[in-house]
Amino acid sequence: MKILSNLTYNKITLACSAVLLSVYMLAGCAGVSDVQLKKGNLFRDEIVGSSEAVADYDALVFKSSDAEIYGQILMPGQTFGAKRRPCVLMFHGFAGFGRFDDIGQALCRAGCVVLIPHHRGAWGSHGKYSISNSVKDAVNLVHYVKSPDFQAKYHVNPNAVFLLGHSMGGNTALNAAAEVSGVRGLVMLAPCDIGTMYQQMSKDEMRKFMIDNGLEVLKTDGFEAVYKDLAEHASEYAFPNAAQKLNKVNLFLVMGEWDTCISNELLKVFYDAARGNKTLPYCLSKNYKSRHGLMGARTQLSMDIADFILKSLE
């Protein structure tokens, strides 16, 4: 049998990628018939001929209750033409040290409009940080991207809005999706079930958990205020309870096999509860050989998230 040279193998791989790219061009979905996603662009920049056609970013500035929230909007290039785009809202974890901008950039290259906000009291956004304020920020952001003005400016399809959250951002995304209607899909990356943790941990244990994970860099009224807010919402936010409030939302749960920050056993309980919610069209869970930050798995994770978006839009 003839052994292929590396050059020949690479040529074949590129040819196959081109075929796959055409296969993954999306059309004909109910409610999202004009949405287009190019999975082949996840790790490839398209060459464009003008400054008007190139991808770009914009400042995210919006009001959440009485607080002004800042962040970033990633905009795909004009090679998608008049096609309306899926919109992915990415929520950071407690304190926001863990970043997933690489995944945001990959999804933008594939054709998604990506918003990366900083919650109240975090990284320059106004107001005071709390667990419930983060959920409110997410709900308000969903309303913002579904507004006619935002849709017109950024070519967003209001029926193709996805929430993605890492760690405490997973709690934010889940409970926002449980509260607001019209979320197409939910991606939870090593999410923190803070409601269940509140029920299982002592106050001193929770204090240590929050301080170890960056409480002191957030603008708050102190641990006591954050803890009181959590106590008021713990039962509502506990993942198995929140799972029952989801309605017609596709779910992708991501876990790190070596995560020492979040209990994967709690997440398995949540996933079973979610699968018991018969309104959910599609549920997927995947375990990656990584720690809490999912480093070392992000290339595959980016591809899997793109596949999930495509599946959710069928």
Protein backbone atom coordinates (compact mmCIF):
# COMPACT_ATOMS: atom_id res chain seq x y z
CA MET A 1 0.00 0.00 0.00
CA LYS A 2 1.38 3.43 -0.95
CA ILE A 3 2.25 5.70 1.96
CA LEU A 4 1.02 9.27 1.46
CA SER A 5 3.56 12.05 1.94
CA ASN A 6 2.75 14.80 4.46
CA LEU A 7 2.28 17.27 1.58
CA THR A 8 -0.16 14.98 -0.21
CA TYR A 9 -1.99 14.27 3.01
CA ASN A 10 -2.32 17.99 3.75
CA LYS A 11 -3.69 18.65 0.25
CA ILE A 12 -6.30 15.95 0.74
CA THR A 13 -7.18 17.34 4.17
CA LEU A 14 -7.67 20.82 2.72
CA ALA A 15 -9.84 19.46 -0.06
CA CYS A 16 -11.97 17.58 2.45
CA SER A 17 -12.27 20.74 4.55
CA ALA A 18 -13.61 22.59 1.53
CA VAL A 19 -16.23 19.90 1.02
CA LEU A 20 -17.15 20.01 4.70
CA LEU A 21 -17.44 23.78 4.52
CA SER A 22 -20.12 23.49 1.85
CA VAL A 23 -21.89 20.80 3.83
CA TYR A 24 -22.01 23.01 6.90
CA MET A 25 -23.51 26.01 5.13
CA LEU A 26 -26.82 26.31 6.91
CA ALA A 27 -30.15 27.03 5.24
CA GLY A 28 -33.81 26.10 5.48
CA CYS A 29 -34.23 26.00 9.28
CA ALA A 30 -37.63 26.79 10.76
CA GLY A 31 -37.55 30.40 11.96
CA VAL A 32 -33.90 30.77 10.98
CA SER A 33 -34.03 30.18 7.23
CA ASP A 34 -31.64 33.03 6.47
CA VAL A 35 -28.99 32.13 9.04
CA GLN A 36 -25.61 31.08 7.64
CA LEU A 37 -22.72 29.54 9.57
CA LYS A 38 -19.34 28.59 8.12
CA LYS A 39 -17.78 26.03 10.41
CA GLY A 40 -14.73 25.84 8.15
CA ASN A 41 -13.85 29.41 9.20
CA LEU A 42 -13.47 28.64 12.92
CA PHE A 43 -9.68 28.72 12.65
CA ARG A 44 -9.26 30.53 9.34
CA ASP A 45 -9.51 34.21 8.42
CA GLU A 46 -11.29 35.00 5.17
CA ILE A 47 -9.45 37.27 2.76
CA VAL A 48 -11.60 40.27 1.85
CA GLY A 49 -11.09 43.01 -0.69
CA SER A 50 -12.26 46.11 1.17
CA SER A 51 -12.39 47.70 4.59
CA GLU A 52 -16.20 47.59 4.45
CA ALA A 53 -16.18 43.79 4.18
CA VAL A 54 -13.69 42.93 6.93
CA ALA A 55 -14.72 41.62 10.35
CA ASP A 56 -14.60 44.16 13.18
CA TYR A 57 -15.54 44.85 16.78
CA ASP A 58 -17.70 47.45 18.45
CA ALA A 59 -18.14 48.72 21.99
CA LEU A 60 -20.95 47.13 23.97
CA VAL A 61 -22.68 49.73 26.12
CA PHE A 62 -26.18 49.06 27.43
CA LYS A 63 -28.34 49.80 30.44
CA SER A 64 -29.16 47.00 32.87
CA SER A 65 -31.64 48.44 35.36
CA ASP A 66 -29.83 51.56 36.60
CA ALA A 67 -26.31 50.36 35.75
CA GLU A 68 -24.33 50.93 32.57
CA ILE A 69 -22.74 47.70 31.36
CA TYR A 70 -19.64 47.61 29.16
CA GLY A 71 -18.15 44.95 26.97
CA GLN A 72 -17.37 44.02 23.39
CA ILE A 73 -19.32 43.08 20.26
CA LEU A 74 -17.52 40.89 17.70
CA MET A 75 -18.93 41.30 14.19
CA PRO A 76 -18.38 38.84 11.30
CA GLY A 77 -17.19 40.12 7.94
CA GLN A 78 -19.54 41.01 5.11
CA THR A 79 -18.78 37.77 3.24
CA PHE A 80 -22.03 36.52 4.77
CA GLY A 81 -23.93 39.03 2.65
CA ALA A 82 -27.46 39.80 3.75
CA LYS A 83 -27.74 36.63 5.82
CA ARG A 84 -28.81 37.23 9.41
CA ARG A 85 -26.46 35.78 12.01
CA PRO A 86 -26.72 33.72 15.16
CA CYS A 87 -25.96 35.78 18.25
CA VAL A 88 -23.90 34.33 21.12
CA LEU A 89 -23.82 36.07 24.52
CA MET A 90 -20.79 35.01 26.58
CA PHE A 91 -20.90 35.45 30.38
CA HIS A 92 -17.79 35.41 32.55
CA GLY A 93 -17.40 33.63 35.85
CA PHE A 94 -17.05 34.94 39.38
CA ALA A 95 -14.60 37.87 39.23
CA GLY A 96 -14.08 37.20 35.52
CA PHE A 97 -10.44 36.08 35.52
CA GLY A 98 -11.14 33.15 33.19
CA ARG A 99 -11.41 34.36 29.59
CA PHE A 100 -12.94 32.62 26.58
CA ASP A 101 -12.27 35.30 23.98
CA ASP A 102 -10.55 32.69 21.79
CA ILE A 103 -13.82 30.79 21.46
CA GLY A 104 -15.67 34.05 20.86
CA GLN A 105 -13.29 34.95 18.03
CA ALA A 106 -13.66 31.47 16.48
CA LEU A 107 -17.46 31.69 16.55
CA CYS A 108 -17.30 35.18 15.06
CA ARG A 109 -15.15 33.94 12.16
CA ALA A 110 -17.75 31.22 11.58
CA GLY A 111 -20.50 33.84 11.31
CA CYS A 112 -21.85 34.54 14.80
CA VAL A 113 -22.27 37.98 16.30
CA VAL A 114 -20.64 37.55 19.72
CA LEU A 115 -21.22 39.77 22.76
CA ILE A 116 -18.86 39.65 25.74
CA PRO A 117 -20.26 41.78 28.60
CA HIS A 118 -18.76 42.58 31.99
CA HIS A 119 -21.34 42.29 34.76
CA ARG A 120 -22.26 45.03 37.19
CA GLY A 121 -19.36 45.74 39.51
CA ALA A 122 -16.87 43.84 37.31
CA TRP A 123 -14.07 45.24 35.15
CA GLY A 124 -15.37 48.78 34.80
CA SER A 125 -19.12 48.21 34.47
CA HIS A 126 -21.18 50.37 36.82
CA GLY A 127 -23.20 49.15 39.80
CA LYS A 128 -22.63 46.51 42.46
CA TYR A 129 -21.87 42.87 41.75
CA SER A 130 -24.18 40.16 43.03
CA ILE A 131 -25.29 36.74 41.82
CA SER A 132 -28.82 37.96 41.09
CA ASN A 133 -27.61 41.16 39.41
CA SER A 134 -25.58 39.01 37.01
CA VAL A 135 -28.71 37.06 36.06
CA LYS A 136 -30.62 40.34 35.58
CA ASP A 137 -27.82 41.67 33.38
CA ALA A 138 -28.09 38.57 31.19
CA VAL A 139 -31.88 38.84 30.91
CA ASN A 140 -31.61 42.52 29.99
CA LEU A 141 -28.94 41.76 27.41
CA VAL A 142 -31.20 39.19 25.73
CA HIS A 143 -33.90 41.84 25.44
CA TYR A 144 -31.31 44.29 24.09
CA VAL A 145 -30.08 42.02 21.27
CA LYS A 146 -33.66 41.18 20.30
CA SER A 147 -34.55 44.87 19.90
CA PRO A 148 -35.30 46.01 16.31
CA ASP A 149 -32.47 48.55 16.39
CA PHE A 150 -29.85 45.98 17.40
CA GLN A 151 -31.13 43.45 14.87
CA ALA A 152 -30.94 46.01 12.07
CA LYS A 153 -27.46 47.27 12.97
CA TYR A 154 -25.78 43.90 13.54
CA HIS A 155 -27.88 41.63 11.26
CA VAL A 156 -28.88 39.37 14.17
CA ASN A 157 -31.62 36.78 13.89
CA PRO A 158 -33.76 37.07 17.07
CA ASN A 159 -34.65 33.37 16.79
CA ALA A 160 -31.00 32.34 16.97
CA VAL A 161 -29.82 33.74 20.31
CA PHE A 162 -27.49 31.52 22.38
CA LEU A 163 -26.26 32.00 25.95
CA LEU A 164 -22.81 30.73 26.91
CA GLY A 165 -21.35 30.93 30.39
CA HIS A 166 -18.26 29.66 32.18
CA SER A 167 -18.20 28.78 35.89
CA MET A 168 -20.47 31.30 37.67
CA GLY A 169 -21.35 32.49 34.18
CA GLY A 170 -22.97 29.08 33.70
CA ASN A 171 -25.30 29.89 36.59
CA THR A 172 -25.94 33.28 34.99
CA ALA A 173 -26.75 31.80 31.58
CA LEU A 174 -28.93 28.97 32.93
CA ASN A 175 -31.08 31.14 35.16
CA ALA A 176 -31.44 33.85 32.54
CA ALA A 177 -32.57 31.21 30.01
CA ALA A 178 -35.05 29.94 32.59
CA GLU A 179 -36.48 33.43 33.00
CA VAL A 180 -36.54 34.96 29.52
CA SER A 181 -38.25 33.44 26.49
CA GLY A 182 -36.77 32.99 23.05
CA VAL A 183 -33.31 31.62 23.88
CA ARG A 184 -32.40 29.05 21.25
CA GLY A 185 -29.56 27.33 23.03
CA LEU A 186 -27.57 27.24 26.25
CA VAL A 187 -23.87 26.32 26.54
CA MET A 188 -22.63 25.77 30.09
CA LEU A 189 -18.84 25.51 30.47
CA ALA A 190 -17.78 23.91 33.76
CA PRO A 191 -20.71 25.74 35.37
CA CYS A 192 -20.94 26.59 39.06
CA ASP A 193 -24.14 25.37 40.74
CA ILE A 194 -23.88 28.06 43.39
CA GLY A 195 -27.45 27.52 44.61
CA THR A 196 -26.85 23.88 45.48
CA MET A 197 -23.41 24.74 46.90
CA TYR A 198 -25.06 27.28 49.22
CA GLN A 199 -27.31 24.52 50.53
CA GLN A 200 -24.35 22.20 51.16
CA MET A 201 -21.66 24.56 52.49
CA SER A 202 -21.30 26.47 55.74
CA LYS A 203 -21.13 30.25 55.64
CA ASP A 204 -17.41 30.19 56.42
CA GLU A 205 -16.81 27.68 53.62
CA MET A 206 -18.69 29.90 51.18
CA ARG A 207 -16.73 32.94 52.34
CA LYS A 208 -13.46 31.13 51.64
CA PHE A 209 -14.73 29.92 48.25
CA MET A 210 -15.67 33.44 47.17
CA ILE A 211 -12.50 35.09 48.46
CA ASP A 212 -10.31 32.41 46.85
CA ASN A 213 -12.06 33.03 43.54
CA GLY A 214 -11.73 36.82 43.47
CA LEU A 215 -14.48 38.43 45.56
CA GLU A 216 -12.18 41.28 46.58
CA VAL A 217 -11.62 42.51 43.01
CA LEU A 218 -15.36 42.98 42.47
CA LYS A 219 -17.24 46.12 43.41
CA THR A 220 -19.66 44.90 46.10
CA ASP A 221 -21.00 45.88 49.51
CA GLY A 222 -18.87 43.09 50.98
CA PHE A 223 -19.24 39.37 51.50
CA GLU A 224 -22.26 39.72 53.79
CA ALA A 225 -24.27 41.50 51.07
CA VAL A 226 -23.28 38.99 48.39
CA TYR A 227 -24.06 36.09 50.73
CA LYS A 228 -27.46 37.55 51.66
CA ASP A 229 -28.35 37.94 47.99
CA LEU A 230 -27.31 34.34 47.33
CA ALA A 231 -29.40 33.11 50.27
CA GLU A 232 -32.48 34.81 48.83
CA HIS A 233 -32.06 33.09 45.45
CA ALA A 234 -30.29 29.81 46.27
CA SER A 235 -33.30 27.52 45.95
CA GLU A 236 -34.45 29.19 42.74
CA TYR A 237 -30.97 29.12 41.18
CA ALA A 238 -30.06 25.54 42.20
CA PHE A 239 -29.46 23.80 38.89
CA PRO A 240 -31.96 20.92 39.23
CA ASN A 241 -34.71 23.45 40.01
CA ALA A 242 -33.70 25.83 37.25
CA ALA A 243 -33.63 22.93 34.77
CA GLN A 244 -37.35 22.43 35.27
CA LYS A 245 -38.05 26.05 34.28
CA LEU A 246 -36.29 25.85 30.93
CA ASN A 247 -38.69 25.82 28.00
CA LYS A 248 -37.73 24.75 24.48
CA VAL A 249 -34.04 25.51 25.03
CA ASN A 250 -31.29 23.31 23.57
CA LEU A 251 -28.59 22.43 26.13
CA PHE A 252 -24.87 21.68 25.88
CA LEU A 253 -23.20 20.89 29.23
CA VAL A 254 -19.39 20.91 29.25
CA MET A 255 -17.32 19.43 32.08
CA GLY A 256 -13.58 19.27 32.76
CA GLU A 257 -12.52 15.78 33.79
CA TRP A 258 -9.88 17.15 36.19
CA ASP A 259 -11.90 20.12 37.47
CA THR A 260 -11.14 20.66 41.17
CA CYS A 261 -13.20 23.86 41.46
CA ILE A 262 -16.62 22.51 40.46
CA SER A 263 -18.22 19.18 41.40
CA ASN A 264 -18.95 17.13 38.30
CA GLU A 265 -21.22 14.96 40.43
CA LEU A 266 -23.50 17.96 40.98
CA LEU A 267 -23.48 18.60 37.25
CA LYS A 268 -24.50 15.03 36.50
CA VAL A 269 -27.51 15.49 38.79
CA PHE A 270 -28.38 18.66 36.90
CA TYR A 271 -28.03 16.96 33.53
CA ASP A 272 -30.36 14.16 34.57
CA ALA A 273 -32.90 16.77 35.69
CA ALA A 274 -32.56 18.62 32.39
CA ARG A 275 -33.08 15.45 30.37
CA GLY A 276 -36.25 14.90 32.38
CA ASN A 277 -37.59 18.23 31.08
CA LYS A 278 -39.44 17.03 27.98
CA THR A 279 -39.71 20.54 26.49
CA LEU A 280 -35.97 20.60 25.76
CA PRO A 281 -35.46 19.67 22.08
CA TYR A 282 -31.84 18.57 22.38
CA CYS A 283 -29.48 17.85 25.29
CA LEU A 284 -25.77 17.10 25.04
CA SER A 285 -23.12 16.55 27.70
CA LYS A 286 -19.41 16.13 27.08
CA ASN A 287 -16.41 15.65 29.37
CA TYR A 288 -13.05 17.06 28.26
CA LYS A 289 -9.63 16.12 29.59
CA SER A 290 -9.01 19.51 31.16
CA ARG A 291 -9.24 21.47 34.38
CA HIS A 292 -11.70 24.21 35.27
CA GLY A 293 -10.48 26.66 32.63
CA LEU A 294 -10.87 24.04 29.88
CA MET A 295 -7.39 24.89 28.62
CA GLY A 296 -5.97 22.27 26.29
CA ALA A 297 -9.43 21.45 24.95
CA ARG A 298 -10.55 24.71 23.40
CA THR A 299 -9.93 23.86 19.76
CA GLN A 300 -12.19 20.82 19.98
CA LEU A 301 -14.58 22.72 22.23
CA SER A 302 -14.94 25.50 19.65
CA MET A 303 -15.82 22.94 16.98
CA ASP A 304 -18.27 21.20 19.29
CA ILE A 305 -20.01 24.48 20.16
CA ALA A 306 -20.33 25.29 16.44
CA ASP A 307 -21.83 21.83 15.86
CA PHE A 308 -24.23 22.43 18.74
CA ILE A 309 -25.36 25.74 17.24
CA LEU A 310 -25.93 24.07 13.89
CA LYS A 311 -27.86 21.23 15.48
CA SER A 312 -29.97 23.68 17.48
CA LEU A 313 -30.91 25.55 14.32
CA GLU A 314 -32.18 22.47 12.49
